[in-house]
Structures are given as structure tokens and as C-alpha cells.
């Protein structure tokens, strides 16, 4: 029994590994196709990263995966005049309300790009200070990785938000 059993296991294992290897080769070939790379790579990058441009600065932000964030991206590129609010954020009105579907929060951090749905306004938090966000709360759309202090200037700023290229 052992003599028959072990060769059958080896044969089944070899067949399974060759199937996996064949599948990997097919996927690798498709992934390496220049046409696929040219069409897919920019779209994937643009879907997850945006730029916040003010004066000579470009801040990079990573989108949160939510229906509200995806709807926000559908508005881009967008140029807004953002006013100072509470000495901690720059806020400006969007051209329309965004879809519901993002998780609401009552606390924000420096670098958060948030949506205030009663507005409909978008805000960029440049300093963590002050009380918690009143009901219904903010929906975090994206997080700026660095340089958010560039928004810590008196008065209004003109900001362009666009998909990363």
C-alpha cells in the first residue's frame, strides 16, 4: 500500500505545482505586457494618490478607500479658495455634495483631508487643536504624508487638488 500511495501523492503534488506555475507564467506575461502597463499603471496610481498644490508646494496625499473618497476624486482636478477655520484647518466649498459611504469621525489629525457633509465642504487639517468635531462628524478622505504646515498661514489660500500623475 505504501509503495502505491507515495507515488500517487508525488504525482498529484507535481501536477498541482505545474498548474500553479503555469498560472503564474500566464499572469506574469499579462502583467509584463507594455500595453497593459501603459493603460493600468497610471490609473491605479491616480486612484490612490492625489496632490494638493499651493504656491510652489506639492503635498502628496493617500486616499482612504471609501465611496465618499472615490466620489471626491471624480471632482478632480479642483481649484478652491480655502479659508482659515479655528486656526487648525483650511476649508472650502465643493461644487456639489459627495456620496455617503465614508466612516465618520469626531477626531481629526494634522494632515487629514476631510469632508463635512452638511457643507458640503472639504477641509485640510494643518494643526491638531481644539474640541472634537460636532455631529455628524467628518469623513476622512485622504491623509497628507508631509508638508501640511505649508497651510499654516494667515487668511485664505488658493489650493489645487488633482490626481497624481
Foldseek 3Di string as FASTA:
>chain_A
DVVVVVVVVVVVVVVVVVVVVVVVVVVVVVVPPPVCCVPPVLVVQLQFWKWKDFDPDTWIKGWDPWQQLNQVQVQPFDKFKFWDDPLFKTKGADPDATDDTADFDFADAQQFWWADRVRRMIMHTHHGDDGTHDPPGIGTTIGTPDDSCVPNDHTITMITMHGDD
